[in-house]
N, C-alpha and C. Protein backbone atom coordinates (compact mmCIF):
# COMPACT_ATOMS: atom_id res chain seq x y z
N MET A 1 -48.26 2.94 -19.03
CA MET A 1 -47.60 3.35 -17.33
C MET A 1 -46.29 3.15 -17.27
N LYS A 2 -46.68 1.54 -16.89
CA LYS A 2 -45.67 1.01 -15.56
C LYS A 2 -44.65 0.39 -16.97
N ARG A 3 -45.06 0.07 -18.24
CA ARG A 3 -44.45 -0.37 -19.79
C ARG A 3 -43.28 0.41 -19.82
N ALA A 4 -44.05 1.90 -19.79
CA ALA A 4 -43.34 3.02 -20.15
C ALA A 4 -41.94 3.33 -18.91
N LEU A 5 -42.35 3.22 -17.76
CA LEU A 5 -41.03 3.12 -17.16
C LEU A 5 -40.46 2.37 -17.11
N ILE A 6 -40.49 0.94 -17.24
CA ILE A 6 -39.68 -0.04 -17.53
C ILE A 6 -38.53 0.31 -18.69
N LEU A 7 -39.09 0.92 -19.73
CA LEU A 7 -38.64 0.73 -20.67
C LEU A 7 -37.31 2.14 -20.69
N ILE A 8 -37.81 2.91 -20.12
CA ILE A 8 -37.13 4.41 -19.73
C ILE A 8 -35.87 3.28 -18.55
N SER A 9 -36.23 2.88 -17.64
CA SER A 9 -34.92 2.31 -16.63
C SER A 9 -34.16 1.75 -17.62
N ALA A 10 -34.83 0.48 -18.26
CA ALA A 10 -34.00 -0.26 -19.20
C ALA A 10 -33.10 0.54 -19.92
N PHE A 11 -33.28 1.56 -20.85
CA PHE A 11 -32.74 2.37 -21.33
C PHE A 11 -31.88 3.29 -20.82
N LEU A 12 -31.99 4.08 -19.82
CA LEU A 12 -31.00 4.38 -18.89
C LEU A 12 -30.06 3.65 -18.69
N PHE A 13 -30.09 2.72 -18.16
CA PHE A 13 -29.35 1.32 -17.55
C PHE A 13 -28.05 1.03 -18.78
N ALA A 14 -28.87 0.86 -20.10
CA ALA A 14 -27.92 0.76 -20.87
C ALA A 14 -27.20 1.80 -21.42
N VAL A 15 -27.69 2.81 -21.34
CA VAL A 15 -26.79 3.88 -21.56
C VAL A 15 -25.71 4.08 -20.57
N HIS A 16 -26.03 4.21 -19.62
CA HIS A 16 -25.11 4.26 -18.14
C HIS A 16 -24.35 2.88 -18.51
N ALA A 17 -24.10 1.56 -18.67
CA ALA A 17 -23.31 0.53 -18.96
C ALA A 17 -22.24 0.74 -20.30
N TRP A 18 -23.20 1.57 -21.29
CA TRP A 18 -22.07 2.07 -22.49
C TRP A 18 -21.05 2.69 -22.22
N ALA A 19 -21.60 3.93 -21.47
CA ALA A 19 -20.64 5.14 -20.89
C ALA A 19 -19.52 4.19 -20.00
N GLN A 20 -19.76 3.43 -19.29
CA GLN A 20 -18.97 2.67 -18.48
C GLN A 20 -17.41 1.96 -19.46
N THR A 21 -18.22 1.43 -20.86
CA THR A 21 -16.95 0.65 -21.17
C THR A 21 -16.39 1.61 -22.17
N GLN A 22 -16.80 2.35 -22.64
CA GLN A 22 -16.20 3.60 -23.92
C GLN A 22 -14.84 3.62 -23.58
N PRO A 23 -13.67 3.38 -24.30
CA PRO A 23 -12.56 3.55 -23.72
C PRO A 23 -11.86 5.00 -23.83
N ILE A 24 -10.85 5.23 -22.80
CA ILE A 24 -10.86 6.63 -22.58
C ILE A 24 -9.35 6.91 -22.53
N LYS A 25 -8.59 7.97 -22.20
CA LYS A 25 -7.45 7.84 -22.29
C LYS A 25 -7.30 9.16 -21.69
N VAL A 26 -6.31 9.02 -20.90
CA VAL A 26 -6.03 10.12 -19.49
C VAL A 26 -4.51 10.40 -19.22
N VAL A 27 -4.14 11.61 -19.11
CA VAL A 27 -2.55 11.85 -18.71
C VAL A 27 -2.72 12.51 -17.21
N PHE A 28 -1.84 11.69 -16.44
CA PHE A 28 -1.99 12.54 -15.16
C PHE A 28 -0.66 13.52 -14.88
N ASP A 29 -1.05 14.41 -14.35
CA ASP A 29 0.33 15.25 -14.23
C ASP A 29 0.92 15.46 -12.87
N VAL A 30 1.95 14.85 -12.57
CA VAL A 30 2.40 14.97 -11.36
C VAL A 30 3.61 15.98 -11.22
N THR A 31 3.90 16.76 -10.12
CA THR A 31 5.04 17.63 -10.00
C THR A 31 5.21 17.63 -8.36
N SER A 32 4.34 17.47 -7.42
CA SER A 32 4.80 17.35 -6.05
C SER A 32 5.52 16.58 -5.82
N LYS A 33 6.19 17.02 -4.59
CA LYS A 33 7.16 16.13 -4.08
C LYS A 33 6.22 15.34 -2.71
N ASP A 34 5.13 16.22 -2.63
CA ASP A 34 4.47 15.12 -1.30
C ASP A 34 4.04 13.80 -1.40
N GLU A 35 4.23 12.98 -0.78
CA GLU A 35 3.98 11.54 -0.96
C GLU A 35 2.88 11.04 -0.81
N GLY A 36 2.13 11.90 -0.25
CA GLY A 36 0.72 11.72 0.04
C GLY A 36 -0.14 11.81 -1.56
N THR A 37 0.38 12.75 -2.53
CA THR A 37 0.10 12.97 -3.88
C THR A 37 0.60 11.74 -4.75
N HIS A 38 1.91 11.03 -4.51
CA HIS A 38 2.14 10.33 -5.26
C HIS A 38 0.98 8.76 -4.70
N GLN A 39 0.93 8.85 -3.65
CA GLN A 39 -0.20 8.11 -3.32
C GLN A 39 -1.25 7.45 -3.95
N SER A 40 -2.26 8.89 -3.52
CA SER A 40 -3.43 8.84 -4.76
C SER A 40 -3.30 9.00 -6.14
N THR A 41 -2.15 9.50 -6.72
CA THR A 41 -2.19 9.36 -8.00
C THR A 41 -2.09 7.95 -8.27
N MET A 42 -1.42 6.80 -7.76
CA MET A 42 -1.70 5.29 -7.92
C MET A 42 -2.95 5.09 -7.61
N ARG A 43 -3.52 5.43 -6.56
CA ARG A 43 -5.05 4.87 -6.38
C ARG A 43 -5.66 5.07 -7.55
N HIS A 44 -5.83 6.11 -7.86
CA HIS A 44 -6.58 6.85 -9.31
C HIS A 44 -5.95 6.05 -10.38
N VAL A 45 -4.82 5.92 -10.37
CA VAL A 45 -4.31 5.08 -11.94
C VAL A 45 -5.04 3.36 -11.56
N LYS A 46 -5.11 2.88 -10.82
CA LYS A 46 -5.72 1.48 -10.45
C LYS A 46 -6.79 1.63 -10.39
N MET A 47 -7.43 2.41 -9.76
CA MET A 47 -9.38 2.27 -10.17
C MET A 47 -9.85 2.60 -11.34
N MET A 48 -9.00 3.60 -12.06
CA MET A 48 -9.40 3.84 -13.46
C MET A 48 -8.80 2.68 -14.78
N ALA A 49 -7.74 2.21 -14.36
CA ALA A 49 -7.43 1.21 -15.14
C ALA A 49 -8.29 -0.42 -14.77
N ASP A 50 -8.81 -0.44 -13.77
CA ASP A 50 -9.76 -1.31 -13.21
C ASP A 50 -10.85 -1.27 -14.15
N ALA A 51 -11.69 0.22 -13.95
CA ALA A 51 -12.90 0.37 -14.27
C ALA A 51 -13.18 0.89 -15.79
N TYR A 52 -12.01 1.15 -16.83
CA TYR A 52 -11.82 0.86 -17.79
C TYR A 52 -10.77 0.12 -18.42
N PRO A 53 -11.29 -1.07 -18.60
CA PRO A 53 -9.79 -1.92 -19.08
C PRO A 53 -9.37 -2.15 -20.70
N ASN A 54 -10.10 -1.33 -21.47
CA ASN A 54 -9.82 -0.60 -22.64
C ASN A 54 -9.29 0.12 -22.99
N SER A 55 -8.63 1.19 -21.81
CA SER A 55 -8.25 2.66 -22.06
C SER A 55 -6.93 2.99 -21.76
N GLU A 56 -6.21 4.07 -21.92
CA GLU A 56 -5.07 4.24 -21.88
C GLU A 56 -4.82 5.22 -20.56
N PHE A 57 -3.69 5.07 -20.05
CA PHE A 57 -2.98 6.16 -18.89
C PHE A 57 -1.85 5.91 -18.93
N GLU A 58 -1.70 7.93 -18.87
CA GLU A 58 -0.18 7.94 -18.70
C GLU A 58 -0.09 8.59 -17.37
N VAL A 59 1.08 8.39 -16.54
CA VAL A 59 1.39 9.32 -15.65
C VAL A 59 3.08 10.03 -15.86
N VAL A 60 2.69 11.17 -16.06
CA VAL A 60 4.10 12.05 -16.66
C VAL A 60 4.49 12.79 -15.03
N ILE A 61 5.65 12.20 -14.98
CA ILE A 61 6.47 12.91 -13.45
C ILE A 61 7.38 14.12 -13.93
N TYR A 62 7.41 14.78 -12.99
CA TYR A 62 8.75 15.93 -13.25
C TYR A 62 8.77 16.96 -12.19
N GLY A 63 9.47 17.85 -12.34
CA GLY A 63 10.04 18.83 -11.04
C GLY A 63 10.18 17.60 -9.73
N GLY A 64 9.32 18.33 -8.82
CA GLY A 64 9.38 17.58 -7.73
C GLY A 64 9.24 16.12 -7.18
N ALA A 65 8.46 15.92 -8.09
CA ALA A 65 7.85 14.64 -8.35
C ALA A 65 8.96 13.36 -8.50
N LEU A 66 10.20 13.93 -8.62
CA LEU A 66 11.24 12.49 -9.42
C LEU A 66 11.18 11.44 -8.35
N PRO A 67 11.11 11.72 -6.87
CA PRO A 67 11.26 10.85 -5.91
C PRO A 67 10.30 9.87 -6.22
N MET A 68 9.45 9.98 -6.73
CA MET A 68 8.31 8.91 -6.90
C MET A 68 8.82 7.85 -7.88
N VAL A 69 9.55 8.10 -8.76
CA VAL A 69 10.06 6.87 -9.51
C VAL A 69 11.33 6.28 -9.28
N LEU A 70 12.05 6.70 -8.11
CA LEU A 70 13.25 6.48 -8.04
C LEU A 70 13.46 5.28 -7.19
N LYS A 71 14.26 4.16 -7.46
CA LYS A 71 14.69 2.82 -6.97
C LYS A 71 14.77 3.63 -5.41
N ASP A 72 15.74 4.21 -4.84
CA ASP A 72 15.87 4.43 -3.44
C ASP A 72 14.92 5.34 -3.25
N ASN A 73 14.06 5.68 -3.33
CA ASN A 73 13.19 6.78 -2.80
C ASN A 73 11.85 6.79 -2.59
N SER A 74 11.22 6.14 -3.74
CA SER A 74 9.71 5.94 -3.73
C SER A 74 9.04 5.47 -2.84
N SER A 75 7.87 6.13 -2.59
CA SER A 75 6.72 5.59 -1.61
C SER A 75 6.05 4.98 -2.39
N VAL A 76 5.92 4.75 -3.37
CA VAL A 76 4.89 4.00 -4.25
C VAL A 76 5.56 2.99 -5.14
N ALA A 77 6.70 2.27 -4.92
CA ALA A 77 7.62 1.73 -6.07
C ALA A 77 6.59 0.04 -6.04
N GLU A 78 5.95 -0.47 -4.92
CA GLU A 78 5.61 -1.49 -4.90
C GLU A 78 4.17 -1.39 -6.00
N ASP A 79 3.14 -0.41 -6.19
CA ASP A 79 2.62 -0.24 -6.57
C ASP A 79 2.85 0.41 -7.95
N ILE A 80 4.08 0.58 -8.53
CA ILE A 80 4.20 1.03 -10.01
C ILE A 80 5.16 -0.36 -10.45
N GLN A 81 5.57 -1.09 -9.82
CA GLN A 81 5.48 -2.59 -10.04
C GLN A 81 4.86 -3.40 -10.58
N LEU A 82 3.64 -3.15 -9.71
CA LEU A 82 2.44 -3.82 -9.78
C LEU A 82 1.51 -3.68 -11.13
N LEU A 83 2.06 -2.06 -11.41
CA LEU A 83 1.26 -1.61 -12.88
C LEU A 83 2.14 -1.71 -14.03
N LYS A 84 3.67 -2.30 -13.71
CA LYS A 84 4.37 -2.10 -15.03
C LYS A 84 3.99 -3.08 -15.99
N ASP A 85 3.59 -3.93 -15.68
CA ASP A 85 3.46 -4.66 -17.29
C ASP A 85 2.28 -4.46 -17.68
N ASN A 86 1.29 -3.78 -17.32
CA ASN A 86 -0.32 -3.39 -17.22
C ASN A 86 0.50 -2.33 -18.36
N PRO A 87 -0.38 -3.32 -19.91
CA PRO A 87 -0.30 -2.40 -21.14
C PRO A 87 -1.00 -0.87 -21.29
N GLN A 88 -1.94 -0.91 -20.46
CA GLN A 88 -2.90 0.10 -20.21
C GLN A 88 -1.83 1.13 -19.66
N VAL A 89 -1.32 1.34 -19.09
CA VAL A 89 -0.74 2.57 -18.16
C VAL A 89 0.92 2.35 -18.39
N SER A 90 1.12 3.64 -18.48
CA SER A 90 2.74 3.89 -18.75
C SER A 90 2.90 4.87 -17.50
N PHE A 91 4.25 4.98 -17.29
CA PHE A 91 5.00 5.91 -16.25
C PHE A 91 5.88 6.91 -17.50
N LYS A 92 6.24 7.83 -17.41
CA LYS A 92 6.94 8.42 -17.91
C LYS A 92 7.56 9.78 -17.10
N VAL A 93 9.09 10.00 -17.06
CA VAL A 93 9.87 10.84 -16.36
C VAL A 93 10.35 11.86 -17.08
N CYS A 94 10.15 13.15 -16.89
CA CYS A 94 10.98 13.99 -17.85
C CYS A 94 12.47 14.03 -17.63
N GLU A 95 13.29 13.87 -19.04
CA GLU A 95 14.72 13.87 -18.65
C GLU A 95 15.27 15.17 -18.26
N GLY A 96 14.38 16.24 -18.79
CA GLY A 96 15.15 17.59 -18.04
C GLY A 96 15.40 17.67 -16.82
N THR A 97 14.49 17.08 -16.28
CA THR A 97 14.18 16.95 -14.34
C THR A 97 15.39 16.05 -14.26
N MET A 98 15.17 14.84 -14.89
CA MET A 98 16.19 13.81 -14.34
C MET A 98 17.81 14.80 -14.83
N LYS A 99 17.96 15.54 -15.63
CA LYS A 99 19.16 16.21 -15.82
C LYS A 99 19.76 17.25 -14.57
N ARG A 100 18.57 17.90 -14.35
CA ARG A 100 18.95 19.07 -13.29
C ARG A 100 19.04 18.50 -12.00
N HIS A 101 18.67 17.08 -11.51
CA HIS A 101 18.92 16.84 -10.73
C HIS A 101 20.01 15.96 -10.58
N GLN A 102 20.52 15.49 -11.58
CA GLN A 102 21.74 14.56 -11.96
C GLN A 102 21.52 13.07 -11.62
N VAL A 103 20.57 12.98 -12.11
CA VAL A 103 19.71 11.25 -12.06
C VAL A 103 20.11 10.70 -13.56
N ASP A 104 20.13 9.13 -13.38
CA ASP A 104 20.31 8.63 -15.01
C ASP A 104 18.94 7.60 -14.80
N LYS A 105 19.02 6.77 -16.31
CA LYS A 105 18.25 6.11 -16.22
C LYS A 105 18.17 4.94 -15.35
N THR A 106 19.64 4.30 -14.93
CA THR A 106 19.37 3.42 -14.05
C THR A 106 18.96 3.39 -12.66
N GLN A 107 18.56 4.82 -12.16
CA GLN A 107 18.42 4.86 -11.06
C GLN A 107 16.73 5.20 -11.03
N LEU A 108 16.23 4.72 -12.28
CA LEU A 108 14.57 4.72 -12.26
C LEU A 108 13.87 3.30 -11.95
N LEU A 109 12.70 3.01 -11.33
CA LEU A 109 12.38 1.71 -11.01
C LEU A 109 12.01 1.13 -12.26
N PRO A 110 12.15 -0.22 -12.63
CA PRO A 110 11.99 -0.93 -13.38
C PRO A 110 10.34 -0.63 -13.89
N GLY A 111 10.80 -0.41 -15.74
CA GLY A 111 9.05 0.06 -16.13
C GLY A 111 8.90 1.63 -16.36
N VAL A 112 9.51 2.06 -15.56
CA VAL A 112 9.25 3.90 -15.87
C VAL A 112 10.27 4.35 -16.99
N GLY A 113 9.58 4.70 -18.17
CA GLY A 113 10.21 5.25 -19.27
C GLY A 113 10.41 7.04 -19.19
N THR A 114 11.18 7.22 -19.59
CA THR A 114 11.71 8.71 -19.99
C THR A 114 10.85 9.57 -21.23
N VAL A 115 10.75 10.87 -20.86
CA VAL A 115 10.23 11.28 -22.17
C VAL A 115 11.18 12.70 -22.38
N PRO A 116 11.49 13.65 -23.10
CA PRO A 116 12.67 14.62 -23.17
C PRO A 116 11.91 16.03 -22.50
N ASP A 117 10.72 15.92 -22.24
CA ASP A 117 10.03 17.33 -21.48
C ASP A 117 8.57 16.74 -21.37
N GLY A 118 8.73 16.64 -19.95
CA GLY A 118 7.30 16.18 -19.52
C GLY A 118 5.92 17.13 -19.67
N ILE A 119 5.99 18.64 -19.65
CA ILE A 119 5.00 19.71 -19.89
C ILE A 119 4.68 18.93 -21.49
N LEU A 120 5.40 19.11 -22.34
CA LEU A 120 5.55 18.96 -23.89
C LEU A 120 4.78 17.80 -24.21
N GLU A 121 4.99 16.34 -23.44
CA GLU A 121 4.47 15.16 -23.33
C GLU A 121 2.87 15.27 -22.91
N ILE A 122 2.60 16.08 -21.78
CA ILE A 122 1.23 16.58 -21.53
C ILE A 122 0.55 17.18 -22.57
N VAL A 123 0.97 18.34 -23.04
CA VAL A 123 0.43 19.61 -24.17
C VAL A 123 0.40 18.26 -25.23
N THR A 124 0.92 17.43 -25.87
CA THR A 124 1.01 16.65 -27.01
C THR A 124 -0.07 15.57 -26.69
N ARG A 125 -0.36 14.87 -25.56
CA ARG A 125 -1.29 14.02 -25.35
C ARG A 125 -2.56 14.85 -25.33
N GLN A 126 -2.68 16.16 -24.91
CA GLN A 126 -3.74 16.89 -24.56
C GLN A 126 -4.48 17.04 -26.10
N GLY A 127 -3.63 17.26 -27.00
CA GLY A 127 -3.65 17.24 -28.32
C GLY A 127 -4.15 16.57 -28.86
N GLU A 128 -3.96 15.11 -28.43
CA GLU A 128 -4.24 14.18 -28.98
C GLU A 128 -5.81 13.56 -28.89
N GLY A 129 -6.32 14.49 -27.75
CA GLY A 129 -7.53 14.13 -27.13
C GLY A 129 -7.74 13.55 -26.05
N TRP A 130 -6.63 13.51 -25.44
CA TRP A 130 -6.46 12.61 -24.03
C TRP A 130 -7.09 13.64 -22.83
N GLY A 131 -7.74 13.17 -21.83
CA GLY A 131 -7.91 13.67 -20.77
C GLY A 131 -6.87 14.35 -20.01
N TYR A 132 -7.00 15.01 -18.61
CA TYR A 132 -6.00 15.54 -18.43
C TYR A 132 -6.51 15.89 -16.75
N ILE A 133 -5.53 15.29 -16.15
CA ILE A 133 -5.85 15.04 -14.35
C ILE A 133 -4.22 15.89 -13.69
N LYS A 134 -4.38 16.85 -13.37
CA LYS A 134 -3.61 17.26 -12.38
C LYS A 134 -3.21 16.94 -11.17
N GLU A 135 -2.69 15.94 -10.61
CA GLU A 135 -2.87 15.48 -8.85
C GLU A 135 -2.12 16.34 -8.43
N ALA A 136 -2.58 16.71 -7.03
CA ALA A 136 -2.54 17.19 -6.06
C ALA A 136 -3.00 16.79 -5.11
N HIS A 137 -2.76 16.92 -3.66
CA HIS A 137 -2.89 16.31 -2.46
C HIS A 137 -2.91 17.37 -1.11
N HIS A 138 -3.90 17.68 -0.50
CA HIS A 138 -3.93 18.43 0.50
C HIS A 138 -4.19 18.25 1.82
């Protein structure tokens, strides 16, 4: 009986460890102008990138979240700069949102890329099997 419990425990531990190392792909949807949302997004991305080192994470910013990636307005600029060289993590801002707010690429933080349409980017990633997280903070 004791041997069976040890084998079961070892098996469960191995399954748990294996699940922690499997690569994942997650797209984060950020539309809120709330700085708390921006900060929690960065916290989530950093924690997940550390926990899943062979995985991919993309933060898609559009709508009211535009200040999150602007040189003069971002409350998370330092966090974005720390992650910009991490090949696991990318930040993409919607060009439609930029156009609406008369923002050009020179106003974006270094390392922030653009996509023609933020919603289409998210839907495309989901179609490719990426997980989805809508970032919100209350």
